Amino acid sequence: MPGFLRIDSPFYRAWTGAADLVIINALTLIGCLPVVTAGAALTACARITMDMVRDEDGYIVRTWWRIFRGELIRSLAWWLPTVGVLALAVWENRTVAAGAESGAIGANPAGLGALSGLLLAGGAIVVGVLVWLVPLTARFENTTAAHAANAVRLAVGCLGRTATCLVVTSAPAILACAVPQSRAAVTWFMVLLGLAFQGYLMALIQRSVIDRLRRASG
């Protein structure tokens, strides 16, 4: 057997890791389809990808399903408000844009630009907190309020990591908008690997912080 096909070879580990990400992504996409269950699906995805980064990955389907079921009800406490805030921001942004195009809103480009900027900043803040809230929920036992407070502290205290996670999260959408010809490729990427691959990258970015919190919690 060639060396690169050995079970302990880097090639084999990379190949099996990619296959695992495809499975995780499929499970997460299915879990996100009802929308209201997306919080539990993202939490399960975060748990599995963090396990992969720590070389603790085992029965990924069984573990994903266990986390998903365990978080199905609890995740509603933070996921539904998050969806509501993001949906409101998107709706307001589209309303502002439509009003500017139709002339329904007074001609004040600077004011419209400032309002759009505030909406964009608000959405970035929500997602910035969310990228910490999900792994905290996946890894630690605590109340939703305590997880949210800790996520806010980490989002601000680890600003560089938060910004990097925001880039990872928004990169496919930015690419699709900036290069329309790439939309088909971006869509296929998201279907095959997207959420799981983004979760894996964010787990790499956040690993040292999460490990430190695990040691501190005993």
N, C-alpha and C. Protein backbone atom coordinates (compact mmCIF):
# COMPACT_ATOMS: atom_id res chain seq x y z
N MET A 1 0.84 -1.19 0.00
CA MET A 1 0.00 0.00 0.00
C MET A 1 0.88 1.25 0.00
N PRO A 2 0.65 2.19 -0.92
CA PRO A 2 1.46 3.41 -0.94
C PRO A 2 1.39 4.13 0.39
N GLY A 3 2.48 4.86 0.71
CA GLY A 3 2.55 5.54 1.99
C GLY A 3 1.43 6.53 2.22
N PHE A 4 0.98 7.22 1.14
CA PHE A 4 -0.04 8.24 1.34
C PHE A 4 -1.42 7.65 1.63
N LEU A 5 -1.58 6.33 1.47
CA LEU A 5 -2.86 5.68 1.78
C LEU A 5 -2.86 5.05 3.17
N ARG A 6 -1.74 5.16 3.89
CA ARG A 6 -1.70 4.65 5.25
C ARG A 6 -2.69 5.41 6.12
N ILE A 7 -3.28 4.73 7.09
CA ILE A 7 -4.30 5.34 7.94
C ILE A 7 -3.76 6.55 8.70
N ASP A 8 -2.48 6.50 9.06
CA ASP A 8 -1.91 7.59 9.82
C ASP A 8 -1.23 8.64 8.95
N SER A 9 -1.37 8.54 7.63
CA SER A 9 -0.72 9.50 6.74
C SER A 9 -1.52 10.80 6.68
N PRO A 10 -0.84 11.94 6.44
CA PRO A 10 -1.54 13.23 6.34
C PRO A 10 -2.60 13.22 5.24
N PHE A 11 -2.30 12.56 4.11
CA PHE A 11 -3.27 12.53 3.02
C PHE A 11 -4.55 11.82 3.44
N TYR A 12 -4.40 10.67 4.09
CA TYR A 12 -5.57 9.91 4.51
C TYR A 12 -6.39 10.69 5.54
N ARG A 13 -5.70 11.35 6.47
CA ARG A 13 -6.40 12.13 7.49
C ARG A 13 -7.14 13.31 6.87
N ALA A 14 -6.49 13.96 5.88
CA ALA A 14 -7.14 15.08 5.20
C ALA A 14 -8.36 14.59 4.41
N TRP A 15 -8.23 13.45 3.77
CA TRP A 15 -9.33 12.90 2.98
C TRP A 15 -10.51 12.53 3.87
N THR A 16 -10.24 11.84 4.96
CA THR A 16 -11.33 11.46 5.86
C THR A 16 -11.94 12.69 6.54
N GLY A 17 -11.09 13.69 6.85
CA GLY A 17 -11.61 14.93 7.43
C GLY A 17 -12.55 15.64 6.48
N ALA A 18 -12.18 15.70 5.20
CA ALA A 18 -13.05 16.33 4.20
C ALA A 18 -14.36 15.57 4.06
N ALA A 19 -14.27 14.24 4.07
CA ALA A 19 -15.51 13.43 3.99
C ALA A 19 -16.40 13.68 5.20
N ASP A 20 -15.79 13.79 6.37
CA ASP A 20 -16.56 14.08 7.59
C ASP A 20 -17.25 15.44 7.48
N LEU A 21 -16.56 16.43 6.93
CA LEU A 21 -17.14 17.76 6.79
C LEU A 21 -18.34 17.75 5.85
N VAL A 22 -18.26 16.94 4.80
CA VAL A 22 -19.40 16.81 3.89
C VAL A 22 -20.62 16.25 4.63
N ILE A 23 -20.39 15.23 5.45
CA ILE A 23 -21.49 14.63 6.22
C ILE A 23 -22.04 15.63 7.23
N ILE A 24 -21.16 16.32 7.94
CA ILE A 24 -21.60 17.31 8.94
C ILE A 24 -22.39 18.42 8.27
N ASN A 25 -21.91 18.86 7.11
CA ASN A 25 -22.60 19.94 6.40
C ASN A 25 -24.00 19.51 5.97
N ALA A 26 -24.11 18.29 5.48
CA ALA A 26 -25.43 17.79 5.06
C ALA A 26 -26.38 17.73 6.25
N LEU A 27 -25.92 17.20 7.37
CA LEU A 27 -26.75 17.13 8.57
C LEU A 27 -27.17 18.52 9.03
N THR A 28 -26.23 19.46 9.00
CA THR A 28 -26.52 20.82 9.48
C THR A 28 -27.50 21.53 8.56
N LEU A 29 -27.33 21.37 7.26
CA LEU A 29 -28.26 21.99 6.33
C LEU A 29 -29.67 21.45 6.52
N ILE A 30 -29.79 20.13 6.68
CA ILE A 30 -31.10 19.53 6.92
C ILE A 30 -31.69 20.05 8.22
N GLY A 31 -30.83 20.15 9.26
CA GLY A 31 -31.30 20.65 10.54
C GLY A 31 -31.71 22.11 10.50
N CYS A 32 -31.14 22.87 9.56
CA CYS A 32 -31.46 24.30 9.45
C CYS A 32 -32.71 24.57 8.61
N LEU A 33 -33.16 23.59 7.85
CA LEU A 33 -34.27 23.82 6.93
C LEU A 33 -35.54 24.32 7.62
N PRO A 34 -35.94 23.79 8.78
CA PRO A 34 -37.15 24.33 9.42
C PRO A 34 -36.95 25.73 10.02
N VAL A 35 -35.76 26.28 9.95
CA VAL A 35 -35.37 27.60 10.47
C VAL A 35 -35.38 27.63 12.00
N VAL A 36 -36.49 27.25 12.62
CA VAL A 36 -36.57 27.32 14.08
C VAL A 36 -35.61 26.33 14.74
N THR A 37 -35.21 25.29 14.03
CA THR A 37 -34.28 24.30 14.59
C THR A 37 -32.83 24.60 14.21
N ALA A 38 -32.60 25.70 13.48
CA ALA A 38 -31.26 26.00 13.01
C ALA A 38 -30.29 26.26 14.16
N GLY A 39 -30.76 26.82 15.26
CA GLY A 39 -29.88 27.06 16.40
C GLY A 39 -29.29 25.78 16.93
N ALA A 40 -30.12 24.75 17.07
CA ALA A 40 -29.64 23.45 17.54
C ALA A 40 -28.69 22.82 16.52
N ALA A 41 -29.01 22.98 15.22
CA ALA A 41 -28.16 22.41 14.17
C ALA A 41 -26.78 23.07 14.16
N LEU A 42 -26.75 24.39 14.30
CA LEU A 42 -25.47 25.10 14.33
C LEU A 42 -24.66 24.76 15.57
N THR A 43 -25.34 24.55 16.68
CA THR A 43 -24.65 24.15 17.91
C THR A 43 -24.02 22.77 17.74
N ALA A 44 -24.76 21.85 17.15
CA ALA A 44 -24.22 20.51 16.91
C ALA A 44 -23.03 20.58 15.96
N CYS A 45 -23.13 21.40 14.93
CA CYS A 45 -22.03 21.57 13.99
C CYS A 45 -20.79 22.13 14.69
N ALA A 46 -20.99 23.12 15.56
CA ALA A 46 -19.87 23.72 16.29
C ALA A 46 -19.20 22.70 17.19
N ARG A 47 -19.99 21.86 17.82
CA ARG A 47 -19.42 20.85 18.72
C ARG A 47 -18.58 19.84 17.94
N ILE A 48 -19.09 19.37 16.81
CA ILE A 48 -18.36 18.36 16.04
C ILE A 48 -17.08 18.94 15.45
N THR A 49 -17.16 20.14 14.89
CA THR A 49 -15.97 20.73 14.27
C THR A 49 -14.91 21.06 15.32
N MET A 50 -15.32 21.48 16.51
CA MET A 50 -14.35 21.69 17.58
C MET A 50 -13.70 20.37 18.00
N ASP A 51 -14.50 19.30 18.05
CA ASP A 51 -13.93 17.98 18.35
C ASP A 51 -12.91 17.58 17.28
N MET A 52 -13.21 17.88 16.02
CA MET A 52 -12.28 17.54 14.94
C MET A 52 -10.97 18.31 15.09
N VAL A 53 -11.06 19.58 15.41
CA VAL A 53 -9.86 20.40 15.59
C VAL A 53 -9.01 19.86 16.74
N ARG A 54 -9.66 19.34 17.77
CA ARG A 54 -8.96 18.80 18.93
C ARG A 54 -8.62 17.31 18.76
N ASP A 55 -8.85 16.77 17.57
CA ASP A 55 -8.60 15.35 17.30
C ASP A 55 -9.40 14.45 18.24
N GLU A 56 -10.61 14.88 18.56
CA GLU A 56 -11.49 14.10 19.41
C GLU A 56 -12.69 13.55 18.64
N ASP A 57 -12.68 13.72 17.34
CA ASP A 57 -13.83 13.30 16.55
C ASP A 57 -13.97 11.79 16.57
N GLY A 58 -15.18 11.33 16.80
CA GLY A 58 -15.47 9.91 16.84
C GLY A 58 -16.65 9.59 15.94
N TYR A 59 -17.77 9.24 16.55
CA TYR A 59 -18.98 8.93 15.80
C TYR A 59 -19.71 10.23 15.50
N ILE A 60 -19.39 10.84 14.35
CA ILE A 60 -19.87 12.19 14.09
C ILE A 60 -21.38 12.26 13.95
N VAL A 61 -21.99 11.30 13.29
CA VAL A 61 -23.44 11.34 13.11
C VAL A 61 -24.14 11.17 14.45
N ARG A 62 -23.67 10.20 15.24
CA ARG A 62 -24.28 9.96 16.56
C ARG A 62 -24.12 11.17 17.47
N THR A 63 -22.92 11.76 17.48
CA THR A 63 -22.67 12.92 18.33
C THR A 63 -23.48 14.13 17.86
N TRP A 64 -23.50 14.35 16.53
CA TRP A 64 -24.28 15.47 16.00
C TRP A 64 -25.74 15.33 16.42
N TRP A 65 -26.31 14.16 16.28
CA TRP A 65 -27.71 13.95 16.60
C TRP A 65 -27.97 14.13 18.09
N ARG A 66 -27.03 13.68 18.92
CA ARG A 66 -27.19 13.83 20.37
C ARG A 66 -27.21 15.30 20.78
N ILE A 67 -26.28 16.09 20.24
CA ILE A 67 -26.23 17.52 20.56
C ILE A 67 -27.47 18.22 20.01
N PHE A 68 -27.86 17.87 18.81
CA PHE A 68 -29.03 18.49 18.18
C PHE A 68 -30.28 18.26 19.03
N ARG A 69 -30.50 17.03 19.44
CA ARG A 69 -31.68 16.75 20.27
C ARG A 69 -31.62 17.46 21.61
N GLY A 70 -30.41 17.47 22.21
CA GLY A 70 -30.27 18.10 23.52
C GLY A 70 -30.49 19.60 23.50
N GLU A 71 -30.15 20.25 22.38
CA GLU A 71 -30.26 21.70 22.27
C GLU A 71 -31.53 22.16 21.56
N LEU A 72 -32.35 21.23 21.11
CA LEU A 72 -33.49 21.58 20.27
C LEU A 72 -34.42 22.59 20.94
N ILE A 73 -34.72 22.39 22.22
CA ILE A 73 -35.61 23.30 22.93
C ILE A 73 -34.85 24.48 23.51
N ARG A 74 -33.69 24.20 24.13
CA ARG A 74 -32.93 25.27 24.77
C ARG A 74 -32.45 26.32 23.78
N SER A 75 -32.14 25.91 22.56
CA SER A 75 -31.61 26.86 21.58
C SER A 75 -32.64 27.90 21.15
N LEU A 76 -33.91 27.58 21.33
CA LEU A 76 -34.96 28.54 20.92
C LEU A 76 -34.86 29.84 21.71
N ALA A 77 -34.34 29.78 22.93
CA ALA A 77 -34.27 30.96 23.78
C ALA A 77 -33.35 32.03 23.20
N TRP A 78 -32.29 31.61 22.46
CA TRP A 78 -31.40 32.60 21.85
C TRP A 78 -31.53 32.66 20.34
N TRP A 79 -31.95 31.57 19.71
CA TRP A 79 -32.01 31.56 18.25
C TRP A 79 -33.18 32.37 17.71
N LEU A 80 -34.35 32.23 18.28
CA LEU A 80 -35.51 32.96 17.77
C LEU A 80 -35.33 34.48 17.88
N PRO A 81 -34.85 35.02 19.03
CA PRO A 81 -34.58 36.46 19.06
C PRO A 81 -33.53 36.88 18.03
N THR A 82 -32.52 36.04 17.82
CA THR A 82 -31.49 36.37 16.84
C THR A 82 -32.07 36.45 15.44
N VAL A 83 -32.89 35.47 15.08
CA VAL A 83 -33.54 35.48 13.77
C VAL A 83 -34.42 36.71 13.62
N GLY A 84 -35.13 37.06 14.68
CA GLY A 84 -36.00 38.24 14.63
C GLY A 84 -35.21 39.52 14.39
N VAL A 85 -34.10 39.68 15.09
CA VAL A 85 -33.27 40.89 14.94
C VAL A 85 -32.68 40.95 13.54
N LEU A 86 -32.13 39.83 13.06
CA LEU A 86 -31.53 39.82 11.73
C LEU A 86 -32.57 40.05 10.64
N ALA A 87 -33.75 39.45 10.80
CA ALA A 87 -34.82 39.64 9.81
C ALA A 87 -35.27 41.10 9.79
N LEU A 88 -35.36 41.71 10.96
CA LEU A 88 -35.75 43.12 11.03
C LEU A 88 -34.71 44.00 10.36
N ALA A 89 -33.44 43.71 10.58
CA ALA A 89 -32.37 44.50 9.95
C ALA A 89 -32.42 44.38 8.43
N VAL A 90 -32.63 43.15 7.93
CA VAL A 90 -32.72 42.95 6.48
C VAL A 90 -33.93 43.68 5.92
N TRP A 91 -35.07 43.58 6.61
CA TRP A 91 -36.29 44.25 6.14
C TRP A 91 -36.12 45.76 6.10
N GLU A 92 -35.54 46.32 7.15
CA GLU A 92 -35.34 47.77 7.19
C GLU A 92 -34.36 48.22 6.11
N ASN A 93 -33.33 47.44 5.87
CA ASN A 93 -32.35 47.78 4.84
C ASN A 93 -33.00 47.79 3.46
N ARG A 94 -33.83 46.78 3.20
CA ARG A 94 -34.52 46.73 1.91
C ARG A 94 -35.54 47.85 1.78
N THR A 95 -36.20 48.20 2.88
CA THR A 95 -37.16 49.29 2.85
C THR A 95 -36.48 50.61 2.54
N VAL A 96 -35.33 50.82 3.17
CA VAL A 96 -34.56 52.04 2.92
C VAL A 96 -34.10 52.10 1.47
N ALA A 97 -33.58 50.97 0.97
CA ALA A 97 -33.11 50.93 -0.41
C ALA A 97 -34.24 51.16 -1.40
N ALA A 98 -35.39 50.52 -1.14
CA ALA A 98 -36.54 50.70 -2.03
C ALA A 98 -37.05 52.13 -2.00
N GLY A 99 -37.06 52.74 -0.81
CA GLY A 99 -37.50 54.12 -0.69
C GLY A 99 -36.58 55.08 -1.41
N ALA A 100 -35.28 54.80 -1.34
CA ALA A 100 -34.32 55.67 -2.02
C ALA A 100 -34.48 55.57 -3.53
N GLU A 101 -34.73 54.36 -4.04
CA GLU A 101 -34.88 54.18 -5.48
C GLU A 101 -36.16 54.82 -6.01
N SER A 102 -37.22 54.73 -5.23
CA SER A 102 -38.51 55.27 -5.68
C SER A 102 -38.68 56.75 -5.40
N GLY A 103 -37.77 57.30 -4.58
CA GLY A 103 -37.89 58.71 -4.24
C GLY A 103 -38.89 58.97 -3.15
N ALA A 104 -39.38 57.88 -2.51
CA ALA A 104 -40.37 58.05 -1.44
C ALA A 104 -39.75 58.71 -0.23
N ILE A 105 -38.45 58.48 -0.03
CA ILE A 105 -37.73 59.10 1.08
C ILE A 105 -37.03 60.33 0.55
N GLY A 106 -37.02 61.37 1.30
CA GLY A 106 -36.40 62.61 0.87
C GLY A 106 -34.98 62.39 0.39
N ALA A 107 -34.59 63.19 -0.60
CA ALA A 107 -33.26 63.03 -1.18
C ALA A 107 -32.20 63.45 -0.19
N ASN A 108 -31.69 62.49 0.55
CA ASN A 108 -30.64 62.75 1.53
C ASN A 108 -29.69 61.58 1.51
N PRO A 109 -28.84 61.49 0.48
CA PRO A 109 -27.95 60.33 0.33
C PRO A 109 -27.09 60.09 1.56
N ALA A 110 -26.63 61.18 2.19
CA ALA A 110 -25.77 61.00 3.36
C ALA A 110 -26.54 60.33 4.49
N GLY A 111 -27.78 60.78 4.70
CA GLY A 111 -28.60 60.19 5.76
C GLY A 111 -28.93 58.74 5.48
N LEU A 112 -29.25 58.42 4.20
CA LEU A 112 -29.56 57.04 3.84
C LEU A 112 -28.32 56.16 4.00
N GLY A 113 -27.15 56.70 3.62
CA GLY A 113 -25.92 55.94 3.76
C GLY A 113 -25.61 55.66 5.22
N ALA A 114 -25.85 56.68 6.07
CA ALA A 114 -25.59 56.50 7.51
C ALA A 114 -26.51 55.44 8.10
N LEU A 115 -27.80 55.47 7.68
CA LEU A 115 -28.76 54.49 8.19
C LEU A 115 -28.40 53.09 7.75
N SER A 116 -28.02 52.93 6.48
CA SER A 116 -27.60 51.62 5.99
C SER A 116 -26.36 51.13 6.73
N GLY A 117 -25.45 52.08 7.01
CA GLY A 117 -24.24 51.72 7.75
C GLY A 117 -24.55 51.25 9.15
N LEU A 118 -25.52 51.92 9.80
CA LEU A 118 -25.92 51.51 11.15
C LEU A 118 -26.54 50.12 11.14
N LEU A 119 -27.38 49.86 10.12
CA LEU A 119 -28.00 48.54 10.02
C LEU A 119 -26.95 47.46 9.79
N LEU A 120 -25.97 47.77 8.93
CA LEU A 120 -24.90 46.81 8.66
C LEU A 120 -24.07 46.56 9.92
N ALA A 121 -23.76 47.63 10.65
CA ALA A 121 -22.99 47.50 11.88
C ALA A 121 -23.75 46.69 12.92
N GLY A 122 -25.07 46.95 13.01
CA GLY A 122 -25.89 46.19 13.96
C GLY A 122 -25.90 44.71 13.64
N GLY A 123 -26.03 44.38 12.34
CA GLY A 123 -25.99 42.98 11.95
C GLY A 123 -24.66 42.34 12.25
N ALA A 124 -23.56 43.09 12.04
CA ALA A 124 -22.23 42.56 12.32
C ALA A 124 -22.04 42.31 13.81
N ILE A 125 -22.61 43.19 14.64
CA ILE A 125 -22.51 43.01 16.10
C ILE A 125 -23.25 41.74 16.53
N VAL A 126 -24.45 41.55 15.98
CA VAL A 126 -25.23 40.36 16.33
C VAL A 126 -24.49 39.09 15.93
N VAL A 127 -23.97 39.06 14.71
CA VAL A 127 -23.24 37.88 14.24
C VAL A 127 -21.95 37.70 15.03
N GLY A 128 -21.29 38.83 15.37
CA GLY A 128 -20.07 38.75 16.17
C GLY A 128 -20.29 38.11 17.52
N VAL A 129 -21.41 38.40 18.13
CA VAL A 129 -21.76 37.75 19.41
C VAL A 129 -22.13 36.29 19.16
N LEU A 130 -22.83 36.05 18.05
CA LEU A 130 -23.31 34.70 17.75
C LEU A 130 -22.16 33.72 17.53
N VAL A 131 -21.06 34.18 16.92
CA VAL A 131 -19.95 33.25 16.64
C VAL A 131 -19.29 32.76 17.93
N TRP A 132 -19.50 33.45 19.03
CA TRP A 132 -19.02 32.96 20.33
C TRP A 132 -20.12 32.25 21.11
N LEU A 133 -21.35 32.70 20.95
CA LEU A 133 -22.46 32.09 21.68
C LEU A 133 -22.65 30.63 21.30
N VAL A 134 -22.53 30.33 20.02
CA VAL A 134 -22.76 28.95 19.56
C VAL A 134 -21.74 27.97 20.15
N PRO A 135 -20.42 28.23 20.05
CA PRO A 135 -19.48 27.28 20.67
C PRO A 135 -19.57 27.22 22.19
N LEU A 136 -19.91 28.34 22.83
CA LEU A 136 -20.09 28.30 24.28
C LEU A 136 -21.25 27.39 24.64
N THR A 137 -22.33 27.50 23.89
CA THR A 137 -23.50 26.64 24.13
C THR A 137 -23.17 25.18 23.87
N ALA A 138 -22.33 24.95 22.85
CA ALA A 138 -21.97 23.58 22.48
C ALA A 138 -21.05 22.91 23.49
N ARG A 139 -20.25 23.71 24.20
CA ARG A 139 -19.20 23.17 25.05
C ARG A 139 -19.47 23.25 26.55
N PHE A 140 -20.29 24.20 26.99
CA PHE A 140 -20.42 24.45 28.41
C PHE A 140 -21.89 24.42 28.84
N GLU A 141 -22.10 24.01 30.09
CA GLU A 141 -23.43 24.04 30.68
C GLU A 141 -23.61 25.37 31.40
N ASN A 142 -24.63 26.11 31.02
CA ASN A 142 -24.92 27.38 31.65
C ASN A 142 -26.29 27.85 31.19
N THR A 143 -26.78 28.91 31.80
CA THR A 143 -28.06 29.47 31.37
C THR A 143 -27.85 30.25 30.07
N THR A 144 -28.93 30.46 29.36
CA THR A 144 -28.85 31.23 28.11
C THR A 144 -28.35 32.64 28.36
N ALA A 145 -28.84 33.27 29.43
CA ALA A 145 -28.41 34.63 29.75
C ALA A 145 -26.91 34.68 30.05
N ALA A 146 -26.41 33.69 30.80
CA ALA A 146 -24.98 33.66 31.12
C ALA A 146 -24.14 33.41 29.86
N HIS A 147 -24.60 32.51 28.99
CA HIS A 147 -23.89 32.27 27.73
C HIS A 147 -23.85 33.55 26.90
N ALA A 148 -24.97 34.25 26.83
CA ALA A 148 -25.03 35.48 26.03
C ALA A 148 -24.09 36.54 26.59
N ALA A 149 -24.06 36.68 27.92
CA ALA A 149 -23.17 37.66 28.55
C ALA A 149 -21.71 37.31 28.29
N ASN A 150 -21.38 36.04 28.40
CA ASN A 150 -20.01 35.60 28.14
C ASN A 150 -19.64 35.79 26.66
N ALA A 151 -20.60 35.55 25.78
CA ALA A 151 -20.35 35.74 24.35
C ALA A 151 -20.06 37.20 24.02
N VAL A 152 -20.78 38.11 24.66
CA VAL A 152 -20.53 39.54 24.45
C VAL A 152 -19.13 39.90 24.93
N ARG A 153 -18.75 39.39 26.10
CA ARG A 153 -17.41 39.67 26.63
C ARG A 153 -16.32 39.14 25.71
N LEU A 154 -16.51 37.93 25.20
CA LEU A 154 -15.51 37.36 24.30
C LEU A 154 -15.46 38.09 22.97
N ALA A 155 -16.63 38.49 22.46
CA ALA A 155 -16.68 39.21 21.19
C ALA A 155 -15.88 40.51 21.26
N VAL A 156 -15.94 41.17 22.42
CA VAL A 156 -15.21 42.42 22.60
C VAL A 156 -13.77 42.16 23.04
N GLY A 157 -13.58 41.24 23.97
CA GLY A 157 -12.25 40.97 24.50
C GLY A 157 -11.33 40.28 23.51
N CYS A 158 -11.89 39.51 22.60
CA CYS A 158 -11.10 38.83 21.57
C CYS A 158 -11.47 39.40 20.20
N LEU A 159 -11.34 40.70 20.08
CA LEU A 159 -11.86 41.41 18.91
C LEU A 159 -11.22 40.93 17.61
N GLY A 160 -9.93 40.65 17.65
CA GLY A 160 -9.26 40.17 16.44
C GLY A 160 -9.82 38.84 15.97
N ARG A 161 -10.04 37.92 16.91
CA ARG A 161 -10.62 36.62 16.56
C ARG A 161 -12.06 36.78 16.08
N THR A 162 -12.78 37.69 16.73
CA THR A 162 -14.17 37.93 16.32
C THR A 162 -14.22 38.46 14.90
N ALA A 163 -13.35 39.41 14.58
CA ALA A 163 -13.32 39.98 13.23
C ALA A 163 -12.96 38.91 12.20
N THR A 164 -12.02 38.03 12.55
CA THR A 164 -11.62 36.96 11.63
C THR A 164 -12.78 36.00 11.40
N CYS A 165 -13.52 35.67 12.45
CA CYS A 165 -14.68 34.80 12.32
C CYS A 165 -15.76 35.46 11.45
N LEU A 166 -15.92 36.78 11.59
CA LEU A 166 -16.88 37.50 10.75
C LEU A 166 -16.49 37.42 9.28
N VAL A 167 -15.20 37.51 9.01
CA VAL A 167 -14.73 37.38 7.63
C VAL A 167 -15.03 35.99 7.09
N VAL A 168 -14.76 34.96 7.91
CA VAL A 168 -15.05 33.58 7.51
C VAL A 168 -16.54 33.40 7.23
N THR A 169 -17.38 33.99 8.08
CA THR A 169 -18.82 33.84 7.94
C THR A 169 -19.37 34.55 6.71
N SER A 170 -18.85 35.73 6.44
CA SER A 170 -19.42 36.56 5.37
C SER A 170 -18.73 36.38 4.03
N ALA A 171 -17.58 35.72 3.98
CA ALA A 171 -16.81 35.61 2.74
C ALA A 171 -17.60 35.06 1.56
N PRO A 172 -18.38 33.96 1.71
CA PRO A 172 -19.13 33.47 0.55
C PRO A 172 -20.13 34.49 0.01
N ALA A 173 -20.85 35.17 0.90
CA ALA A 173 -21.83 36.17 0.45
C ALA A 173 -21.14 37.35 -0.23
N ILE A 174 -20.02 37.80 0.33
CA ILE A 174 -19.28 38.91 -0.26
C ILE A 174 -18.77 38.53 -1.65
N LEU A 175 -18.22 37.32 -1.76
CA LEU A 175 -17.71 36.85 -3.05
C LEU A 175 -18.83 36.77 -4.08
N ALA A 176 -19.99 36.23 -3.67
CA ALA A 176 -21.11 36.09 -4.60
C ALA A 176 -21.61 37.44 -5.08
N CYS A 177 -21.61 38.44 -4.19
CA CYS A 177 -22.07 39.78 -4.57
C CYS A 177 -21.03 40.51 -5.41
N ALA A 178 -19.75 40.36 -5.06
CA ALA A 178 -18.69 41.08 -5.77
C ALA A 178 -18.41 40.47 -7.14
N VAL A 179 -18.54 39.15 -7.24
CA VAL A 179 -18.26 38.46 -8.51
C VAL A 179 -19.48 37.61 -8.88
N PRO A 180 -20.45 38.18 -9.56
CA PRO A 180 -21.68 37.44 -9.89
C PRO A 180 -21.43 36.11 -10.59
N GLN A 181 -20.34 36.04 -11.38
CA GLN A 181 -20.05 34.79 -12.09
C GLN A 181 -19.72 33.64 -11.15
N SER A 182 -19.38 33.97 -9.89
CA SER A 182 -18.98 32.92 -8.94
C SER A 182 -20.16 32.36 -8.16
N ARG A 183 -21.36 32.86 -8.39
CA ARG A 183 -22.49 32.47 -7.55
C ARG A 183 -22.80 30.98 -7.62
N ALA A 184 -22.70 30.39 -8.79
CA ALA A 184 -22.96 28.95 -8.89
C ALA A 184 -21.94 28.15 -8.10
N ALA A 185 -20.67 28.54 -8.22
CA ALA A 185 -19.62 27.84 -7.48
C ALA A 185 -19.79 28.02 -5.98
N VAL A 186 -20.13 29.24 -5.56
CA VAL A 186 -20.34 29.51 -4.14
C VAL A 186 -21.51 28.69 -3.61
N THR A 187 -22.57 28.61 -4.40
CA THR A 187 -23.75 27.83 -3.99
C THR A 187 -23.39 26.36 -3.79
N TRP A 188 -22.66 25.79 -4.74
CA TRP A 188 -22.26 24.39 -4.62
C TRP A 188 -21.32 24.18 -3.44
N PHE A 189 -20.45 25.15 -3.20
CA PHE A 189 -19.55 25.05 -2.05
C PHE A 189 -20.34 25.02 -0.75
N MET A 190 -21.34 25.90 -0.64
CA MET A 190 -22.13 25.95 0.58
C MET A 190 -22.95 24.67 0.76
N VAL A 191 -23.43 24.11 -0.34
CA VAL A 191 -24.22 22.88 -0.26
C VAL A 191 -23.35 21.70 0.16
N LEU A 192 -22.13 21.64 -0.37
CA LEU A 192 -21.28 20.49 -0.10
C LEU A 192 -20.49 20.61 1.21
N LEU A 193 -19.94 21.80 1.46
CA LEU A 193 -19.03 21.95 2.60
C LEU A 193 -19.32 23.15 3.48
N GLY A 194 -19.93 24.17 2.93
CA GLY A 194 -20.01 25.50 3.50
C GLY A 194 -20.05 25.66 5.00
N LEU A 195 -21.18 25.33 5.62
CA LEU A 195 -21.35 25.57 7.05
C LEU A 195 -20.33 24.79 7.88
N ALA A 196 -20.09 23.55 7.51
CA ALA A 196 -19.14 22.73 8.26
C ALA A 196 -17.72 23.25 8.11
N PHE A 197 -17.35 23.66 6.89
CA PHE A 197 -16.01 24.19 6.68
C PHE A 197 -15.81 25.51 7.42
N GLN A 198 -16.82 26.36 7.39
CA GLN A 198 -16.74 27.61 8.15
C GLN A 198 -16.64 27.32 9.65
N GLY A 199 -17.42 26.35 10.12
CA GLY A 199 -17.36 25.98 11.52
C GLY A 199 -15.99 25.46 11.90
N TYR A 200 -15.37 24.69 11.01
CA TYR A 200 -14.04 24.15 11.28
C TYR A 200 -13.00 25.27 11.36
N LEU A 201 -13.06 26.22 10.44
CA LEU A 201 -12.13 27.34 10.47
C LEU A 201 -12.31 28.17 11.74
N MET A 202 -13.57 28.41 12.12
CA MET A 202 -13.80 29.19 13.33
C MET A 202 -13.35 28.43 14.58
N ALA A 203 -13.48 27.11 14.55
CA ALA A 203 -12.99 26.31 15.68
C ALA A 203 -11.48 26.44 15.81
N LEU A 204 -10.78 26.47 14.68
CA LEU A 204 -9.34 26.68 14.71
C LEU A 204 -9.00 28.05 15.30
N ILE A 205 -9.76 29.06 14.92
CA ILE A 205 -9.53 30.42 15.40
C ILE A 205 -9.81 30.53 16.90
N GLN A 206 -10.84 29.85 17.36
CA GLN A 206 -11.31 30.00 18.74
C GLN A 206 -10.75 28.97 19.70
N ARG A 207 -10.02 28.00 19.19
CA ARG A 207 -9.63 26.86 20.02
C ARG A 207 -8.91 27.25 21.30
N SER A 208 -7.91 28.10 21.21
CA SER A 208 -7.12 28.44 22.40
C SER A 208 -7.98 29.12 23.47
N VAL A 209 -8.93 29.94 23.03
CA VAL A 209 -9.82 30.61 23.98
C VAL A 209 -10.74 29.60 24.66
N ILE A 210 -11.34 28.72 23.85
CA ILE A 210 -12.25 27.71 24.41
C ILE A 210 -11.49 26.77 25.33
N ASP A 211 -10.27 26.37 24.95
CA ASP A 211 -9.47 25.50 25.81
C ASP A 211 -9.16 26.17 27.14
N ARG A 212 -8.85 27.47 27.09
CA ARG A 212 -8.56 28.19 28.33
C ARG A 212 -9.79 28.23 29.23
N LEU A 213 -10.95 28.43 28.64
CA LEU A 213 -12.18 28.46 29.44
C LEU A 213 -12.48 27.08 30.01
N ARG A 214 -12.19 26.04 29.27
CA ARG A 214 -12.42 24.67 29.77
C ARG A 214 -11.52 24.38 30.96
N ARG A 215 -10.27 24.81 30.88
CA ARG A 215 -9.35 24.59 32.00
C ARG A 215 -9.80 25.39 33.22
N ALA A 216 -10.27 26.60 32.98
CA ALA A 216 -10.71 27.44 34.10
C ALA A 216 -11.96 26.90 34.76
N SER A 217 -12.82 26.24 33.99
CA SER A 217 -14.06 25.70 34.55
C SER A 217 -13.84 24.34 35.21
N GLY A 218 -12.63 23.82 35.12
CA GLY A 218 -12.31 22.56 35.75
C GLY A 218 -12.73 21.38 34.92
